[in-house]
Amino acid sequence: MDVPSVFESPEDSLAKIRDDVERAEARATVLPKLQDQIAQARARVVSRQRDIAVEVDSSGVLTVLDITDAALSRGGRAVSREVLDLIAAATLDVRKETLAISKELLGEDDPIVKLTEAQLDTDLEEHGGRKGGLK
């Protein structure tokens, strides 16, 4: 919400307040749909060898972990590292999906969308983008 400036006219201040109220009302009508779509969001990533697959939900919780017997021939430590890399990649993918959902429903200029996008961009820069796996 914008704070009216002491240098603005009363009409300008009232117009900003009306805009803030309209944005809040619009967000309130969209919020249930946004929550529902984000709750349903999932991301699945498969290893390059196609012998390990993971899926995470929108909160980053692992919902599927498939490891073939062939994958185990690479050794437990190698498979463990790969599983963690795949989970990290799937988590970034689902975050990108939830951002896209938020942009679609709230609009790109919404403060929540801008904050979410900035946080995701920072995380992508810190982690060098997406690691391993196939979408």
C-alpha atoms as a PDB file:
ATOM      1  CA  MET A   1       0.000   0.000   0.000  1.00  0.00           C
ATOM      2  CA  ASP A   2       1.342   3.411  -0.960  1.00  0.00           C
ATOM      3  CA  VAL A   3       1.667   5.979   1.794  1.00  0.00           C
ATOM      4  CA  PRO A   4       0.299   9.354   0.706  1.00  0.00           C
ATOM      5  CA  SER A   5       2.950  12.050   0.546  1.00  0.00           C
ATOM      6  CA  VAL A   6       2.530  15.268   2.502  1.00  0.00           C
ATOM      7  CA  PHE A   7       3.174  17.125  -0.762  1.00  0.00           C
ATOM      8  CA  GLU A   8       0.318  15.494  -2.684  1.00  0.00           C
ATOM      9  CA  SER A   9      -3.058  17.031  -3.141  1.00  0.00           C
ATOM     10  CA  PRO A  10      -5.940  15.471  -1.196  1.00  0.00           C
ATOM     11  CA  GLU A  11      -7.396  14.265  -4.508  1.00  0.00           C
ATOM     12  CA  ASP A  12      -4.164  12.466  -5.418  1.00  0.00           C
ATOM     13  CA  SER A  13      -3.993  10.886  -1.966  1.00  0.00           C
ATOM     14  CA  LEU A  14      -7.596   9.699  -2.217  1.00  0.00           C
ATOM     15  CA  ALA A  15      -6.970   8.303  -5.702  1.00  0.00           C
ATOM     16  CA  LYS A  16      -4.006   6.263  -4.399  1.00  0.00           C
ATOM     17  CA  ILE A  17      -6.089   4.972  -1.500  1.00  0.00           C
ATOM     18  CA  ARG A  18      -8.879   3.980  -3.924  1.00  0.00           C
ATOM     19  CA  ASP A  19      -6.341   2.177  -6.122  1.00  0.00           C
ATOM     20  CA  ASP A  20      -4.973   0.302  -3.093  1.00  0.00           C
ATOM     21  CA  VAL A  21      -8.478  -0.727  -2.022  1.00  0.00           C
ATOM     22  CA  GLU A  22      -9.347  -1.894  -5.551  1.00  0.00           C
ATOM     23  CA  ARG A  23      -6.115  -3.933  -5.755  1.00  0.00           C
ATOM     24  CA  ALA A  24      -6.837  -5.520  -2.357  1.00  0.00           C
ATOM     25  CA  GLU A  25     -10.402  -6.391  -3.381  1.00  0.00           C
ATOM     26  CA  ALA A  26      -9.233  -7.866  -6.693  1.00  0.00           C
ATOM     27  CA  ARG A  27      -6.567  -9.918  -4.914  1.00  0.00           C
ATOM     28  CA  ALA A  28      -9.152 -11.211  -2.427  1.00  0.00           C
ATOM     29  CA  THR A  29     -11.332 -12.565  -5.239  1.00  0.00           C
ATOM     30  CA  VAL A  30      -8.360 -14.259  -6.964  1.00  0.00           C
ATOM     31  CA  LEU A  31      -6.674 -15.613  -3.825  1.00  0.00           C
ATOM     32  CA  PRO A  32      -8.643 -18.890  -3.516  1.00  0.00           C
ATOM     33  CA  LYS A  33      -7.883 -19.793  -7.157  1.00  0.00           C
ATOM     34  CA  LEU A  34      -4.232 -18.838  -6.671  1.00  0.00           C
ATOM     35  CA  GLN A  35      -3.937 -20.987  -3.550  1.00  0.00           C
ATOM     36  CA  ASP A  36      -5.612 -23.930  -5.284  1.00  0.00           C
ATOM     37  CA  GLN A  37      -3.399 -23.782  -8.375  1.00  0.00           C
ATOM     38  CA  ILE A  38      -0.221 -23.393  -6.340  1.00  0.00           C
ATOM     39  CA  ALA A  39      -1.224 -26.308  -4.099  1.00  0.00           C
ATOM     40  CA  GLN A  40      -1.601 -28.484  -7.215  1.00  0.00           C
ATOM     41  CA  ALA A  41       1.742 -27.456  -8.747  1.00  0.00           C
ATOM     42  CA  ARG A  42       4.319 -30.216  -9.137  1.00  0.00           C
ATOM     43  CA  ALA A  43       7.681 -30.531 -10.861  1.00  0.00           C
ATOM     44  CA  ARG A  44       9.202 -33.795 -12.018  1.00  0.00           C
ATOM     45  CA  VAL A  45      12.858 -34.185 -13.005  1.00  0.00           C
ATOM     46  CA  VAL A  46      14.532 -37.296 -14.414  1.00  0.00           C
ATOM     47  CA  SER A  47      18.250 -38.106 -14.357  1.00  0.00           C
ATOM     48  CA  ARG A  48      20.287 -37.995 -17.562  1.00  0.00           C
ATOM     49  CA  GLN A  49      20.486 -41.797 -17.491  1.00  0.00           C
ATOM     50  CA  ARG A  50      16.696 -41.879 -16.990  1.00  0.00           C
ATOM     51  CA  ASP A  51      17.092 -44.230 -14.037  1.00  0.00           C
ATOM     52  CA  ILE A  52      16.179 -41.803 -11.237  1.00  0.00           C
ATOM     53  CA  ALA A  53      13.097 -39.592 -11.093  1.00  0.00           C
ATOM     54  CA  VAL A  54      11.900 -37.160  -8.437  1.00  0.00           C
ATOM     55  CA  GLU A  55       8.813 -35.030  -8.041  1.00  0.00           C
ATOM     56  CA  VAL A  56       8.261 -32.191  -5.592  1.00  0.00           C
ATOM     57  CA  ASP A  57       5.173 -30.208  -4.711  1.00  0.00           C
ATOM     58  CA  SER A  58       4.914 -26.430  -4.495  1.00  0.00           C
ATOM     59  CA  SER A  59       6.273 -26.384  -0.950  1.00  0.00           C
ATOM     60  CA  GLY A  60       9.358 -28.364  -2.004  1.00  0.00           C
ATOM     61  CA  VAL A  61       8.229 -31.616  -0.387  1.00  0.00           C
ATOM     62  CA  LEU A  62       9.402 -34.745  -2.188  1.00  0.00           C
ATOM     63  CA  THR A  63       6.290 -36.574  -3.435  1.00  0.00           C
ATOM     64  CA  VAL A  64       7.879 -39.149  -5.769  1.00  0.00           C
ATOM     65  CA  LEU A  65      11.264 -40.863  -5.711  1.00  0.00           C
ATOM     66  CA  ASP A  66      11.888 -43.605  -8.280  1.00  0.00           C
ATOM     67  CA  ILE A  67      15.280 -45.304  -8.386  1.00  0.00           C
ATOM     68  CA  THR A  68      15.820 -48.235 -10.735  1.00  0.00           C
ATOM     69  CA  ASP A  69      18.024 -51.184  -9.882  1.00  0.00           C
ATOM     70  CA  ALA A  70      20.368 -50.076 -12.680  1.00  0.00           C
ATOM     71  CA  ALA A  71      20.953 -46.757 -10.917  1.00  0.00           C
ATOM     72  CA  LEU A  72      22.121 -48.555  -7.796  1.00  0.00           C
ATOM     73  CA  SER A  73      25.033 -50.028  -9.757  1.00  0.00           C
ATOM     74  CA  ARG A  74      26.634 -46.546  -9.646  1.00  0.00           C
ATOM     75  CA  GLY A  75      26.914 -46.813  -5.873  1.00  0.00           C
ATOM     76  CA  GLY A  76      24.968 -45.348  -3.013  1.00  0.00           C
ATOM     77  CA  ARG A  77      26.988 -42.149  -2.635  1.00  0.00           C
ATOM     78  CA  ALA A  78      26.738 -41.255  -6.318  1.00  0.00           C
ATOM     79  CA  VAL A  79      23.009 -41.953  -6.347  1.00  0.00           C
ATOM     80  CA  SER A  80      22.502 -39.953  -3.144  1.00  0.00           C
ATOM     81  CA  ARG A  81      24.260 -36.902  -4.615  1.00  0.00           C
ATOM     82  CA  GLU A  82      22.266 -37.205  -7.825  1.00  0.00           C
ATOM     83  CA  VAL A  83      18.968 -37.509  -5.946  1.00  0.00           C
ATOM     84  CA  LEU A  84      19.741 -34.328  -4.008  1.00  0.00           C
ATOM     85  CA  ASP A  85      20.685 -32.489  -7.225  1.00  0.00           C
ATOM     86  CA  LEU A  86      17.450 -33.647  -8.864  1.00  0.00           C
ATOM     87  CA  ILE A  87      15.383 -32.515  -5.865  1.00  0.00           C
ATOM     88  CA  ALA A  88      17.073 -29.090  -6.024  1.00  0.00           C
ATOM     89  CA  ALA A  89      16.345 -28.847  -9.772  1.00  0.00           C
ATOM     90  CA  ALA A  90      12.717 -29.898  -9.310  1.00  0.00           C
ATOM     91  CA  THR A  91      12.304 -27.385  -6.486  1.00  0.00           C
ATOM     92  CA  LEU A  92      13.537 -24.559  -8.710  1.00  0.00           C
ATOM     93  CA  ASP A  93      11.214 -25.739 -11.494  1.00  0.00           C
ATOM     94  CA  VAL A  94       8.154 -25.761  -9.245  1.00  0.00           C
ATOM     95  CA  ARG A  95       9.077 -22.315  -7.923  1.00  0.00           C
ATOM     96  CA  LYS A  96       9.202 -21.059 -11.530  1.00  0.00           C
ATOM     97  CA  GLU A  97       5.792 -22.634 -12.111  1.00  0.00           C
ATOM     98  CA  THR A  98       4.258 -21.013  -9.037  1.00  0.00           C
ATOM     99  CA  LEU A  99       5.702 -17.667 -10.128  1.00  0.00           C
ATOM    100  CA  ALA A 100       4.091 -18.092 -13.552  1.00  0.00           C
ATOM    101  CA  ILE A 101       0.758 -18.914 -11.889  1.00  0.00           C
ATOM    102  CA  SER A 102       1.071 -15.841  -9.664  1.00  0.00           C
ATOM    103  CA  LYS A 103       1.880 -13.600 -12.633  1.00  0.00           C
ATOM    104  CA  GLU A 104      -1.096 -14.931 -14.552  1.00  0.00           C
ATOM    105  CA  LEU A 105      -3.584 -14.421 -11.731  1.00  0.00           C
ATOM    106  CA  LEU A 106      -2.197 -11.350  -9.951  1.00  0.00           C
ATOM    107  CA  GLY A 107      -0.390  -9.565 -12.772  1.00  0.00           C
ATOM    108  CA  GLU A 108       3.297  -8.848 -13.223  1.00  0.00           C
ATOM    109  CA  ASP A 109       3.082  -5.513 -11.392  1.00  0.00           C
ATOM    110  CA  ASP A 110       1.692  -7.031  -8.172  1.00  0.00           C
ATOM    111  CA  PRO A 111       4.058  -6.459  -5.209  1.00  0.00           C
ATOM    112  CA  ILE A 112       3.857 -10.136  -4.173  1.00  0.00           C
ATOM    113  CA  VAL A 113       4.826 -11.228  -7.687  1.00  0.00           C
ATOM    114  CA  LYS A 114       7.725  -8.771  -7.812  1.00  0.00           C
ATOM    115  CA  LEU A 115       9.064  -9.979  -4.445  1.00  0.00           C
ATOM    116  CA  THR A 116       8.700 -13.655  -5.406  1.00  0.00           C
ATOM    117  CA  GLU A 117      10.436 -13.055  -8.734  1.00  0.00           C
ATOM    118  CA  ALA A 118      13.307 -11.179  -7.071  1.00  0.00           C
ATOM    119  CA  GLN A 119      13.824 -14.002  -4.562  1.00  0.00           C
ATOM    120  CA  LEU A 120      13.802 -16.617  -7.328  1.00  0.00           C
ATOM    121  CA  ASP A 121      16.242 -14.590  -9.452  1.00  0.00           C
ATOM    122  CA  THR A 122      18.603 -14.298  -6.483  1.00  0.00           C
ATOM    123  CA  ASP A 123      18.432 -18.045  -5.831  1.00  0.00           C
ATOM    124  CA  LEU A 124      19.045 -18.828  -9.499  1.00  0.00           C
ATOM    125  CA  GLU A 125      22.101 -16.552  -9.525  1.00  0.00           C
ATOM    126  CA  GLU A 126      23.473 -18.102  -6.332  1.00  0.00           C
ATOM    127  CA  HIS A 127      22.981 -21.664  -7.568  1.00  0.00           C
ATOM    128  CA  GLY A 128      24.050 -21.050 -11.150  1.00  0.00           C
ATOM    129  CA  GLY A 129      20.678 -21.937 -12.629  1.00  0.00           C
ATOM    130  CA  ARG A 130      19.360 -25.449 -12.960  1.00  0.00           C
ATOM    131  CA  LYS A 131      21.590 -28.403 -12.142  1.00  0.00           C
ATOM    132  CA  GLY A 132      21.334 -31.849 -13.752  1.00  0.00           C
ATOM    133  CA  GLY A 133      18.408 -33.879 -14.861  1.00  0.00           C
ATOM    134  CA  LEU A 134      15.876 -33.672 -17.623  1.00  0.00           C
ATOM    135  CA  LYS A 135      12.475 -32.088 -17.426  1.00  0.00           C
END
